[in-house]
Amino acid sequence: IGNGHSWDLDRNDGGTYILPPYVSQEGSD
């Protein structure tokens, strides 16, 4: 997927974001 360029989704006002699970102050899961 990268930055979404192949699907014209590499936008300045928007774009493609990879969202894996992450660590927060409450912990991670």
mmCIF file of all heavy atoms, coordinates in Angstrom:
data_MODEL
# 
_entry.id   MODEL 
# 
loop_
_atom_site.group_PDB 
_atom_site.id 
_atom_site.type_symbol 
_atom_site.label_atom_id 
_atom_site.label_alt_id 
_atom_site.label_comp_id 
_atom_site.label_asym_id 
_atom_site.label_entity_id 
_atom_site.label_seq_id 
_atom_site.pdbx_PDB_ins_code 
_atom_site.Cartn_x 
_atom_site.Cartn_y 
_atom_site.Cartn_z 
_atom_site.occupancy 
_atom_site.B_iso_or_equiv 
_atom_site.pdbx_formal_charge 
_atom_site.auth_seq_id 
_atom_site.auth_comp_id 
_atom_site.auth_asym_id 
_atom_site.auth_atom_id 
_atom_site.pdbx_PDB_model_num 
ATOM 1   N N   . ILE A 1 1  ? 0.821  -1.207 0.000  1.00 0.00 ? 1  ILE A N   1 
ATOM 2   C CA  . ILE A 1 1  ? 0.000  0.000  0.000  1.00 0.00 ? 1  ILE A CA  1 
ATOM 3   C C   . ILE A 1 1  ? 0.857  1.259  0.000  1.00 0.00 ? 1  ILE A C   1 
ATOM 4   O O   . ILE A 1 1  ? 0.580  2.228  -0.713 1.00 0.00 ? 1  ILE A O   1 
ATOM 5   C CB  . ILE A 1 1  ? -0.955 0.004  1.211  1.00 0.00 ? 1  ILE A CB  1 
ATOM 6   C CG1 . ILE A 1 1  ? -1.957 -1.146 1.104  1.00 0.00 ? 1  ILE A CG1 1 
ATOM 7   C CG2 . ILE A 1 1  ? -1.701 1.338  1.314  1.00 0.00 ? 1  ILE A CG2 1 
ATOM 8   C CD1 . ILE A 1 1  ? -2.815 -1.337 2.345  1.00 0.00 ? 1  ILE A CD1 1 
ATOM 9   N N   . GLY A 1 2  ? 1.924  1.256  0.792  1.00 0.00 ? 2  GLY A N   1 
ATOM 10  C CA  . GLY A 1 2  ? 2.789  2.430  0.863  1.00 0.00 ? 2  GLY A CA  1 
ATOM 11  C C   . GLY A 1 2  ? 2.016  3.673  1.251  1.00 0.00 ? 2  GLY A C   1 
ATOM 12  O O   . GLY A 1 2  ? 1.238  3.673  2.212  1.00 0.00 ? 2  GLY A O   1 
ATOM 13  N N   . ASN A 1 3  ? 2.192  4.746  0.477  1.00 0.00 ? 3  ASN A N   1 
ATOM 14  C CA  . ASN A 1 3  ? 1.485  6.002  0.772  1.00 0.00 ? 3  ASN A CA  1 
ATOM 15  C C   . ASN A 1 3  ? 0.195  6.140  -0.028 1.00 0.00 ? 3  ASN A C   1 
ATOM 16  O O   . ASN A 1 3  ? -0.431 7.205  -0.027 1.00 0.00 ? 3  ASN A O   1 
ATOM 17  C CB  . ASN A 1 3  ? 2.402  7.204  0.515  1.00 0.00 ? 3  ASN A CB  1 
ATOM 18  C CG  . ASN A 1 3  ? 2.741  7.374  -0.967 1.00 0.00 ? 3  ASN A CG  1 
ATOM 19  O OD1 . ASN A 1 3  ? 2.408  6.519  -1.799 1.00 0.00 ? 3  ASN A OD1 1 
ATOM 20  N ND2 . ASN A 1 3  ? 3.408  8.471  -1.298 1.00 0.00 ? 3  ASN A ND2 1 
ATOM 21  N N   . GLY A 1 4  ? -0.208 5.063  -0.720 1.00 0.00 ? 4  GLY A N   1 
ATOM 22  C CA  . GLY A 1 4  ? -1.456 5.097  -1.469 1.00 0.00 ? 4  GLY A CA  1 
ATOM 23  C C   . GLY A 1 4  ? -1.355 5.686  -2.858 1.00 0.00 ? 4  GLY A C   1 
ATOM 24  O O   . GLY A 1 4  ? -2.372 5.890  -3.534 1.00 0.00 ? 4  GLY A O   1 
ATOM 25  N N   . HIS A 1 5  ? -0.136 5.946  -3.324 1.00 0.00 ? 5  HIS A N   1 
ATOM 26  C CA  . HIS A 1 5  ? 0.046  6.620  -4.611 1.00 0.00 ? 5  HIS A CA  1 
ATOM 27  C C   . HIS A 1 5  ? -0.583 5.847  -5.774 1.00 0.00 ? 5  HIS A C   1 
ATOM 28  O O   . HIS A 1 5  ? -1.172 6.450  -6.681 1.00 0.00 ? 5  HIS A O   1 
ATOM 29  C CB  . HIS A 1 5  ? 1.541  6.824  -4.877 1.00 0.00 ? 5  HIS A CB  1 
ATOM 30  C CG  . HIS A 1 5  ? 1.835  7.388  -6.235 1.00 0.00 ? 5  HIS A CG  1 
ATOM 31  N ND1 . HIS A 1 5  ? 1.629  8.719  -6.546 1.00 0.00 ? 5  HIS A ND1 1 
ATOM 32  C CD2 . HIS A 1 5  ? 2.302  6.796  -7.379 1.00 0.00 ? 5  HIS A CD2 1 
ATOM 33  C CE1 . HIS A 1 5  ? 1.955  8.924  -7.817 1.00 0.00 ? 5  HIS A CE1 1 
ATOM 34  N NE2 . HIS A 1 5  ? 2.365  7.782  -8.333 1.00 0.00 ? 5  HIS A NE2 1 
ATOM 35  N N   . SER A 1 6  ? -0.478 4.524  -5.756 1.00 0.00 ? 6  SER A N   1 
ATOM 36  C CA  . SER A 1 6  ? -0.986 3.717  -6.878 1.00 0.00 ? 6  SER A CA  1 
ATOM 37  C C   . SER A 1 6  ? -2.491 3.856  -7.055 1.00 0.00 ? 6  SER A C   1 
ATOM 38  O O   . SER A 1 6  ? -3.018 3.566  -8.134 1.00 0.00 ? 6  SER A O   1 
ATOM 39  C CB  . SER A 1 6  ? -0.627 2.237  -6.667 1.00 0.00 ? 6  SER A CB  1 
ATOM 40  O OG  . SER A 1 6  ? 0.771  2.061  -6.664 1.00 0.00 ? 6  SER A OG  1 
ATOM 41  N N   . TRP A 1 7  ? -3.194 4.286  -6.010 1.00 0.00 ? 7  TRP A N   1 
ATOM 42  C CA  . TRP A 1 7  ? -4.654 4.435  -6.063 1.00 0.00 ? 7  TRP A CA  1 
ATOM 43  C C   . TRP A 1 7  ? -5.063 5.915  -6.035 1.00 0.00 ? 7  TRP A C   1 
ATOM 44  O O   . TRP A 1 7  ? -6.218 6.234  -5.789 1.00 0.00 ? 7  TRP A O   1 
ATOM 45  C CB  . TRP A 1 7  ? -5.295 3.687  -4.892 1.00 0.00 ? 7  TRP A CB  1 
ATOM 46  C CG  . TRP A 1 7  ? -4.909 2.249  -4.892 1.00 0.00 ? 7  TRP A CG  1 
ATOM 47  C CD1 . TRP A 1 7  ? -5.571 1.211  -5.489 1.00 0.00 ? 7  TRP A CD1 1 
ATOM 48  C CD2 . TRP A 1 7  ? -3.740 1.680  -4.297 1.00 0.00 ? 7  TRP A CD2 1 
ATOM 49  N NE1 . TRP A 1 7  ? -4.890 0.032  -5.299 1.00 0.00 ? 7  TRP A NE1 1 
ATOM 50  C CE2 . TRP A 1 7  ? -3.756 0.290  -4.568 1.00 0.00 ? 7  TRP A CE2 1 
ATOM 51  C CE3 . TRP A 1 7  ? -2.680 2.196  -3.554 1.00 0.00 ? 7  TRP A CE3 1 
ATOM 52  C CZ2 . TRP A 1 7  ? -2.756 -0.575 -4.137 1.00 0.00 ? 7  TRP A CZ2 1 
ATOM 53  C CZ3 . TRP A 1 7  ? -1.672 1.336  -3.125 1.00 0.00 ? 7  TRP A CZ3 1 
ATOM 54  C CH2 . TRP A 1 7  ? -1.723 -0.033 -3.414 1.00 0.00 ? 7  TRP A CH2 1 
ATOM 55  N N   . ASP A 1 8  ? -4.071 6.798  -6.275 1.00 0.00 ? 8  ASP A N   1 
ATOM 56  C CA  . ASP A 1 8  ? -4.305 8.249  -6.229 1.00 0.00 ? 8  ASP A CA  1 
ATOM 57  C C   . ASP A 1 8  ? -4.855 8.667  -4.868 1.00 0.00 ? 8  ASP A C   1 
ATOM 58  O O   . ASP A 1 8  ? -5.729 9.524  -4.766 1.00 0.00 ? 8  ASP A O   1 
ATOM 59  C CB  . ASP A 1 8  ? -5.267 8.674  -7.357 1.00 0.00 ? 8  ASP A CB  1 
ATOM 60  C CG  . ASP A 1 8  ? -5.298 10.193 -7.553 1.00 0.00 ? 8  ASP A CG  1 
ATOM 61  O OD1 . ASP A 1 8  ? -4.286 10.840 -7.243 1.00 0.00 ? 8  ASP A OD1 1 
ATOM 62  O OD2 . ASP A 1 8  ? -6.344 10.717 -7.990 1.00 0.00 ? 8  ASP A OD2 1 
ATOM 63  N N   . LEU A 1 9  ? -4.316 8.060  -3.830 1.00 0.00 ? 9  LEU A N   1 
ATOM 64  C CA  . LEU A 1 9  ? -4.760 8.368  -2.473 1.00 0.00 ? 9  LEU A CA  1 
ATOM 65  C C   . LEU A 1 9  ? -3.629 8.962  -1.629 1.00 0.00 ? 9  LEU A C   1 
ATOM 66  O O   . LEU A 1 9  ? -3.652 8.900  -0.404 1.00 0.00 ? 9  LEU A O   1 
ATOM 67  C CB  . LEU A 1 9  ? -5.311 7.109  -1.793 1.00 0.00 ? 9  LEU A CB  1 
ATOM 68  C CG  . LEU A 1 9  ? -6.662 6.601  -2.321 1.00 0.00 ? 9  LEU A CG  1 
ATOM 69  C CD1 . LEU A 1 9  ? -6.996 5.238  -1.728 1.00 0.00 ? 9  LEU A CD1 1 
ATOM 70  C CD2 . LEU A 1 9  ? -7.780 7.600  -2.009 1.00 0.00 ? 9  LEU A CD2 1 
ATOM 71  N N   . ASP A 1 10 ? -2.624 9.537  -2.291 1.00 0.00 ? 10 ASP A N   1 
ATOM 72  C CA  . ASP A 1 10 ? -1.555 10.233 -1.572 1.00 0.00 ? 10 ASP A CA  1 
ATOM 73  C C   . ASP A 1 10 ? -1.861 11.728 -1.608 1.00 0.00 ? 10 ASP A C   1 
ATOM 74  O O   . ASP A 1 10 ? -1.241 12.496 -2.330 1.00 0.00 ? 10 ASP A O   1 
ATOM 75  C CB  . ASP A 1 10 ? -0.184 9.920  -2.176 1.00 0.00 ? 10 ASP A CB  1 
ATOM 76  C CG  . ASP A 1 10 ? -0.129 10.165 -3.683 1.00 0.00 ? 10 ASP A CG  1 
ATOM 77  O OD1 . ASP A 1 10 ? -1.188 10.155 -4.342 1.00 0.00 ? 10 ASP A OD1 1 
ATOM 78  O OD2 . ASP A 1 10 ? 0.976  10.374 -4.214 1.00 0.00 ? 10 ASP A OD2 1 
ATOM 79  N N   . ARG A 1 11 ? -2.835 12.118 -0.807 1.00 0.00 ? 11 ARG A N   1 
ATOM 80  C CA  . ARG A 1 11 ? -3.346 13.495 -0.846 1.00 0.00 ? 11 ARG A CA  1 
ATOM 81  C C   . ARG A 1 11 ? -2.765 14.330 0.291  1.00 0.00 ? 11 ARG A C   1 
ATOM 82  O O   . ARG A 1 11 ? -2.490 13.821 1.381  1.00 0.00 ? 11 ARG A O   1 
ATOM 83  C CB  . ARG A 1 11 ? -4.868 13.489 -0.719 1.00 0.00 ? 11 ARG A CB  1 
ATOM 84  C CG  . ARG A 1 11 ? -5.596 12.539 -1.671 1.00 0.00 ? 11 ARG A CG  1 
ATOM 85  C CD  . ARG A 1 11 ? -5.504 12.975 -3.113 1.00 0.00 ? 11 ARG A CD  1 
ATOM 86  N NE  . ARG A 1 11 ? -6.208 12.059 -4.011 1.00 0.00 ? 11 ARG A NE  1 
ATOM 87  C CZ  . ARG A 1 11 ? -7.495 12.160 -4.309 1.00 0.00 ? 11 ARG A CZ  1 
ATOM 88  N NH1 . ARG A 1 11 ? -8.237 13.109 -3.774 1.00 0.00 ? 11 ARG A NH1 1 
ATOM 89  N NH2 . ARG A 1 11 ? -8.048 11.299 -5.157 1.00 0.00 ? 11 ARG A NH2 1 
ATOM 90  N N   . ASN A 1 12 ? -2.623 15.644 0.030  1.00 0.00 ? 12 ASN A N   1 
ATOM 91  C CA  . ASN A 1 12 ? -2.196 16.548 1.099  1.00 0.00 ? 12 ASN A CA  1 
ATOM 92  C C   . ASN A 1 12 ? -3.286 16.697 2.154  1.00 0.00 ? 12 ASN A C   1 
ATOM 93  O O   . ASN A 1 12 ? -3.018 16.712 3.352  1.00 0.00 ? 12 ASN A O   1 
ATOM 94  C CB  . ASN A 1 12 ? -1.849 17.922 0.511  1.00 0.00 ? 12 ASN A CB  1 
ATOM 95  C CG  . ASN A 1 12 ? -0.576 17.894 -0.306 1.00 0.00 ? 12 ASN A CG  1 
ATOM 96  O OD1 . ASN A 1 12 ? 0.324  17.102 -0.026 1.00 0.00 ? 12 ASN A OD1 1 
ATOM 97  N ND2 . ASN A 1 12 ? -0.491 18.747 -1.319 1.00 0.00 ? 12 ASN A ND2 1 
ATOM 98  N N   . ASP A 1 13 ? -4.528 16.825 1.704  1.00 0.00 ? 13 ASP A N   1 
ATOM 99  C CA  . ASP A 1 13 ? -5.662 16.956 2.625  1.00 0.00 ? 13 ASP A CA  1 
ATOM 100 C C   . ASP A 1 13 ? -6.402 15.630 2.707  1.00 0.00 ? 13 ASP A C   1 
ATOM 101 O O   . ASP A 1 13 ? -7.514 15.464 2.212  1.00 0.00 ? 13 ASP A O   1 
ATOM 102 C CB  . ASP A 1 13 ? -6.615 18.066 2.143  1.00 0.00 ? 13 ASP A CB  1 
ATOM 103 C CG  . ASP A 1 13 ? -5.970 19.430 2.158  1.00 0.00 ? 13 ASP A CG  1 
ATOM 104 O OD1 . ASP A 1 13 ? -5.078 19.645 2.985  1.00 0.00 ? 13 ASP A OD1 1 
ATOM 105 O OD2 . ASP A 1 13 ? -6.357 20.274 1.328  1.00 0.00 ? 13 ASP A OD2 1 
ATOM 106 N N   . GLY A 1 14 ? -5.776 14.666 3.319  1.00 0.00 ? 14 GLY A N   1 
ATOM 107 C CA  . GLY A 1 14 ? -6.361 13.331 3.413  1.00 0.00 ? 14 GLY A CA  1 
ATOM 108 C C   . GLY A 1 14 ? -5.251 12.309 3.312  1.00 0.00 ? 14 GLY A C   1 
ATOM 109 O O   . GLY A 1 14 ? -4.284 12.329 4.069  1.00 0.00 ? 14 GLY A O   1 
ATOM 110 N N   . GLY A 1 15 ? -5.391 11.390 2.353  1.00 0.00 ? 15 GLY A N   1 
ATOM 111 C CA  . GLY A 1 15 ? -4.347 10.406 2.129  1.00 0.00 ? 15 GLY A CA  1 
ATOM 112 C C   . GLY A 1 15 ? -4.697 9.041  2.692  1.00 0.00 ? 15 GLY A C   1 
ATOM 113 O O   . GLY A 1 15 ? -5.796 8.802  3.196  1.00 0.00 ? 15 GLY A O   1 
ATOM 114 N N   . THR A 1 16 ? -3.731 8.124  2.584  1.00 0.00 ? 16 THR A N   1 
ATOM 115 C CA  . THR A 1 16 ? -3.875 6.758  3.071  1.00 0.00 ? 16 THR A CA  1 
ATOM 116 C C   . THR A 1 16 ? -3.020 6.587  4.321  1.00 0.00 ? 16 THR A C   1 
ATOM 117 O O   . THR A 1 16 ? -1.849 6.983  4.340  1.00 0.00 ? 16 THR A O   1 
ATOM 118 C CB  . THR A 1 16 ? -3.420 5.757  2.002  1.00 0.00 ? 16 THR A CB  1 
ATOM 119 O OG1 . THR A 1 16 ? -4.159 5.985  0.804  1.00 0.00 ? 16 THR A OG1 1 
ATOM 120 C CG2 . THR A 1 16 ? -3.658 4.324  2.463  1.00 0.00 ? 16 THR A CG2 1 
ATOM 121 N N   . TYR A 1 17 ? -3.600 5.983  5.347  1.00 0.00 ? 17 TYR A N   1 
ATOM 122 C CA  . TYR A 1 17 ? -2.915 5.815  6.630  1.00 0.00 ? 17 TYR A CA  1 
ATOM 123 C C   . TYR A 1 17 ? -2.973 4.349  7.045  1.00 0.00 ? 17 TYR A C   1 
ATOM 124 O O   . TYR A 1 17 ? -4.053 3.759  7.106  1.00 0.00 ? 17 TYR A O   1 
ATOM 125 C CB  . TYR A 1 17 ? -3.577 6.677  7.708  1.00 0.00 ? 17 TYR A CB  1 
ATOM 126 C CG  . TYR A 1 17 ? -3.565 8.157  7.410  1.00 0.00 ? 17 TYR A CG  1 
ATOM 127 C CD1 . TYR A 1 17 ? -4.519 8.715  6.563  1.00 0.00 ? 17 TYR A CD1 1 
ATOM 128 C CD2 . TYR A 1 17 ? -2.602 8.995  7.961  1.00 0.00 ? 17 TYR A CD2 1 
ATOM 129 C CE1 . TYR A 1 17 ? -4.519 10.070 6.272  1.00 0.00 ? 17 TYR A CE1 1 
ATOM 130 C CE2 . TYR A 1 17 ? -2.591 10.353 7.688  1.00 0.00 ? 17 TYR A CE2 1 
ATOM 131 C CZ  . TYR A 1 17 ? -3.553 10.888 6.838  1.00 0.00 ? 17 TYR A CZ  1 
ATOM 132 O OH  . TYR A 1 17 ? -3.546 12.235 6.562  1.00 0.00 ? 17 TYR A OH  1 
ATOM 133 N N   . ILE A 1 18 ? -1.812 3.768  7.302  1.00 0.00 ? 18 ILE A N   1 
ATOM 134 C CA  . ILE A 1 18 ? -1.738 2.411  7.840  1.00 0.00 ? 18 ILE A CA  1 
ATOM 135 C C   . ILE A 1 18 ? -1.905 2.511  9.355  1.00 0.00 ? 18 ILE A C   1 
ATOM 136 O O   . ILE A 1 18 ? -1.156 3.228  10.025 1.00 0.00 ? 18 ILE A O   1 
ATOM 137 C CB  . ILE A 1 18 ? -0.401 1.738  7.491  1.00 0.00 ? 18 ILE A CB  1 
ATOM 138 C CG1 . ILE A 1 18 ? -0.169 1.745  5.972  1.00 0.00 ? 18 ILE A CG1 1 
ATOM 139 C CG2 . ILE A 1 18 ? -0.363 0.323  8.051  1.00 0.00 ? 18 ILE A CG2 1 
ATOM 140 C CD1 . ILE A 1 18 ? -1.159 0.928  5.182  1.00 0.00 ? 18 ILE A CD1 1 
ATOM 141 N N   . LEU A 1 19 ? -2.878 1.776  9.899  1.00 0.00 ? 19 LEU A N   1 
ATOM 142 C CA  . LEU A 1 19 ? -3.232 1.911  11.312 1.00 0.00 ? 19 LEU A CA  1 
ATOM 143 C C   . LEU A 1 19 ? -3.129 0.560  12.026 1.00 0.00 ? 19 LEU A C   1 
ATOM 144 O O   . LEU A 1 19 ? -4.111 -0.156 12.191 1.00 0.00 ? 19 LEU A O   1 
ATOM 145 C CB  . LEU A 1 19 ? -4.657 2.467  11.439 1.00 0.00 ? 19 LEU A CB  1 
ATOM 146 C CG  . LEU A 1 19 ? -4.914 3.830  10.783 1.00 0.00 ? 19 LEU A CG  1 
ATOM 147 C CD1 . LEU A 1 19 ? -6.400 4.159  10.806 1.00 0.00 ? 19 LEU A CD1 1 
ATOM 148 C CD2 . LEU A 1 19 ? -4.110 4.919  11.487 1.00 0.00 ? 19 LEU A CD2 1 
ATOM 149 N N   . PRO A 1 20 ? -1.939 0.193  12.491 1.00 0.00 ? 20 PRO A N   1 
ATOM 150 C CA  . PRO A 1 20 ? -1.800 -1.024 13.304 1.00 0.00 ? 20 PRO A CA  1 
ATOM 151 C C   . PRO A 1 20 ? -2.188 -0.735 14.747 1.00 0.00 ? 20 PRO A C   1 
ATOM 152 O O   . PRO A 1 20 ? -2.334 0.434  15.141 1.00 0.00 ? 20 PRO A O   1 
ATOM 153 C CB  . PRO A 1 20 ? -0.307 -1.335 13.182 1.00 0.00 ? 20 PRO A CB  1 
ATOM 154 C CG  . PRO A 1 20 ? 0.324  0.020  13.060 1.00 0.00 ? 20 PRO A CG  1 
ATOM 155 C CD  . PRO A 1 20 ? -0.653 0.869  12.279 1.00 0.00 ? 20 PRO A CD  1 
ATOM 156 N N   . PRO A 1 21 ? -2.365 -1.775 15.575 1.00 0.00 ? 21 PRO A N   1 
ATOM 157 C CA  . PRO A 1 21 ? -2.549 -1.535 17.014 1.00 0.00 ? 21 PRO A CA  1 
ATOM 158 C C   . PRO A 1 21 ? -1.337 -0.791 17.570 1.00 0.00 ? 21 PRO A C   1 
ATOM 159 O O   . PRO A 1 21 ? -0.226 -0.921 17.054 1.00 0.00 ? 21 PRO A O   1 
ATOM 160 C CB  . PRO A 1 21 ? -2.656 -2.948 17.604 1.00 0.00 ? 21 PRO A CB  1 
ATOM 161 C CG  . PRO A 1 21 ? -2.987 -3.826 16.447 1.00 0.00 ? 21 PRO A CG  1 
ATOM 162 C CD  . PRO A 1 21 ? -2.353 -3.205 15.246 1.00 0.00 ? 21 PRO A CD  1 
ATOM 163 N N   . TYR A 1 22 ? -1.556 -0.012 18.626 1.00 0.00 ? 22 TYR A N   1 
ATOM 164 C CA  . TYR A 1 22 ? -0.462 0.802  19.151 1.00 0.00 ? 22 TYR A CA  1 
ATOM 165 C C   . TYR A 1 22 ? -0.539 0.893  20.669 1.00 0.00 ? 22 TYR A C   1 
ATOM 166 O O   . TYR A 1 22 ? -1.540 0.526  21.291 1.00 0.00 ? 22 TYR A O   1 
ATOM 167 C CB  . TYR A 1 22 ? -0.509 2.208  18.543 1.00 0.00 ? 22 TYR A CB  1 
ATOM 168 C CG  . TYR A 1 22 ? -1.766 2.984  18.860 1.00 0.00 ? 22 TYR A CG  1 
ATOM 169 C CD1 . TYR A 1 22 ? -1.833 3.830  19.966 1.00 0.00 ? 22 TYR A CD1 1 
ATOM 170 C CD2 . TYR A 1 22 ? -2.892 2.873  18.050 1.00 0.00 ? 22 TYR A CD2 1 
ATOM 171 C CE1 . TYR A 1 22 ? -2.993 4.523  20.275 1.00 0.00 ? 22 TYR A CE1 1 
ATOM 172 C CE2 . TYR A 1 22 ? -4.061 3.566  18.342 1.00 0.00 ? 22 TYR A CE2 1 
ATOM 173 C CZ  . TYR A 1 22 ? -4.104 4.398  19.451 1.00 0.00 ? 22 TYR A CZ  1 
ATOM 174 O OH  . TYR A 1 22 ? -5.253 5.083  19.742 1.00 0.00 ? 22 TYR A OH  1 
ATOM 175 N N   . VAL A 1 23 ? 0.523  1.402  21.253 1.00 0.00 ? 23 VAL A N   1 
ATOM 176 C CA  . VAL A 1 23 ? 0.608  1.577  22.706 1.00 0.00 ? 23 VAL A CA  1 
ATOM 177 C C   . VAL A 1 23 ? 0.098  2.968  23.070 1.00 0.00 ? 23 VAL A C   1 
ATOM 178 O O   . VAL A 1 23 ? 0.477  3.962  22.457 1.00 0.00 ? 23 VAL A O   1 
ATOM 179 C CB  . VAL A 1 23 ? 2.059  1.410  23.196 1.00 0.00 ? 23 VAL A CB  1 
ATOM 180 C CG1 . VAL A 1 23 ? 2.143  1.648  24.697 1.00 0.00 ? 23 VAL A CG1 1 
ATOM 181 C CG2 . VAL A 1 23 ? 2.582  0.027  22.852 1.00 0.00 ? 23 VAL A CG2 1 
ATOM 182 N N   . SER A 1 24 ? -0.794 3.023  24.055 1.00 0.00 ? 24 SER A N   1 
ATOM 183 C CA  . SER A 1 24 ? -1.273 4.302  24.577 1.00 0.00 ? 24 SER A CA  1 
ATOM 184 C C   . SER A 1 24 ? -1.006 4.340  26.079 1.00 0.00 ? 24 SER A C   1 
ATOM 185 O O   . SER A 1 24 ? -0.465 3.397  26.658 1.00 0.00 ? 24 SER A O   1 
ATOM 186 C CB  . SER A 1 24 ? -2.773 4.462  24.303 1.00 0.00 ? 24 SER A CB  1 
ATOM 187 O OG  . SER A 1 24 ? -3.518 3.532  25.075 1.00 0.00 ? 24 SER A OG  1 
ATOM 188 N N   . GLN A 1 25 ? -1.404 5.430  26.731 1.00 0.00 ? 25 GLN A N   1 
ATOM 189 C CA  . GLN A 1 25 ? -1.204 5.537  28.189 1.00 0.00 ? 25 GLN A CA  1 
ATOM 190 C C   . GLN A 1 25 ? -1.987 4.466  28.935 1.00 0.00 ? 25 GLN A C   1 
ATOM 191 O O   . GLN A 1 25 ? -1.592 4.035  30.008 1.00 0.00 ? 25 GLN A O   1 
ATOM 192 C CB  . GLN A 1 25 ? -1.634 6.924  28.668 1.00 0.00 ? 25 GLN A CB  1 
ATOM 193 C CG  . GLN A 1 25 ? -0.658 8.024  28.293 1.00 0.00 ? 25 GLN A CG  1 
ATOM 194 C CD  . GLN A 1 25 ? -1.043 9.358  28.913 1.00 0.00 ? 25 GLN A CD  1 
ATOM 195 O OE1 . GLN A 1 25 ? -2.217 9.595  29.183 1.00 0.00 ? 25 GLN A OE1 1 
ATOM 196 N NE2 . GLN A 1 25 ? -0.062 10.216 29.136 1.00 0.00 ? 25 GLN A NE2 1 
ATOM 197 N N   . GLU A 1 26 ? -3.105 4.026  28.334 1.00 0.00 ? 26 GLU A N   1 
ATOM 198 C CA  . GLU A 1 26 ? -3.913 2.984  28.969 1.00 0.00 ? 26 GLU A CA  1 
ATOM 199 C C   . GLU A 1 26 ? -3.341 1.591  28.748 1.00 0.00 ? 26 GLU A C   1 
ATOM 200 O O   . GLU A 1 26 ? -3.831 0.605  29.277 1.00 0.00 ? 26 GLU A O   1 
ATOM 201 C CB  . GLU A 1 26 ? -5.350 3.036  28.438 1.00 0.00 ? 26 GLU A CB  1 
ATOM 202 C CG  . GLU A 1 26 ? -6.151 4.252  28.887 1.00 0.00 ? 26 GLU A CG  1 
ATOM 203 C CD  . GLU A 1 26 ? -5.762 5.513  28.137 1.00 0.00 ? 26 GLU A CD  1 
ATOM 204 O OE1 . GLU A 1 26 ? -5.285 5.385  26.984 1.00 0.00 ? 26 GLU A OE1 1 
ATOM 205 O OE2 . GLU A 1 26 ? -5.896 6.612  28.691 1.00 0.00 ? 26 GLU A OE2 1 
ATOM 206 N N   . GLY A 1 27 ? -2.305 1.504  27.905 1.00 0.00 ? 27 GLY A N   1 
ATOM 207 C CA  . GLY A 1 27 ? -1.716 0.206  27.594 1.00 0.00 ? 27 GLY A CA  1 
ATOM 208 C C   . GLY A 1 27 ? -1.844 -0.087 26.116 1.00 0.00 ? 27 GLY A C   1 
ATOM 209 O O   . GLY A 1 27 ? -2.088 0.805  25.302 1.00 0.00 ? 27 GLY A O   1 
ATOM 210 N N   . SER A 1 28 ? -1.647 -1.339 25.748 1.00 0.00 ? 28 SER A N   1 
ATOM 211 C CA  . SER A 1 28 ? -1.735 -1.726 24.341 1.00 0.00 ? 28 SER A CA  1 
ATOM 212 C C   . SER A 1 28 ? -2.435 -3.068 24.229 1.00 0.00 ? 28 SER A C   1 
ATOM 213 O O   . SER A 1 28 ? -2.480 -3.849 25.178 1.00 0.00 ? 28 SER A O   1 
ATOM 214 C CB  . SER A 1 28 ? -0.335 -1.825 23.722 1.00 0.00 ? 28 SER A CB  1 
ATOM 215 O OG  . SER A 1 28 ? 0.419  -2.849 24.351 1.00 0.00 ? 28 SER A OG  1 
ATOM 216 N N   . ASP A 1 29 ? -2.978 -3.305 23.072 1.00 0.00 ? 29 ASP A N   1 
ATOM 217 C CA  . ASP A 1 29 ? -3.671 -4.568 22.856 1.00 0.00 ? 29 ASP A CA  1 
ATOM 218 C C   . ASP A 1 29 ? -3.823 -4.771 21.361 1.00 0.00 ? 29 ASP A C   1 
ATOM 219 O O   . ASP A 1 29 ? -3.756 -3.835 20.566 1.00 0.00 ? 29 ASP A O   1 
ATOM 220 C CB  . ASP A 1 29 ? -5.051 -4.552 23.511 1.00 0.00 ? 29 ASP A CB  1 
ATOM 221 C CG  . ASP A 1 29 ? -5.487 -5.947 23.951 1.00 0.00 ? 29 ASP A CG  1 
ATOM 222 O OD1 . ASP A 1 29 ? -4.951 -6.926 23.393 1.00 0.00 ? 29 ASP A OD1 1 
ATOM 223 O OD2 . ASP A 1 29 ? -6.327 -6.037 24.855 1.00 0.00 ? 29 ASP A OD2 1 
# 
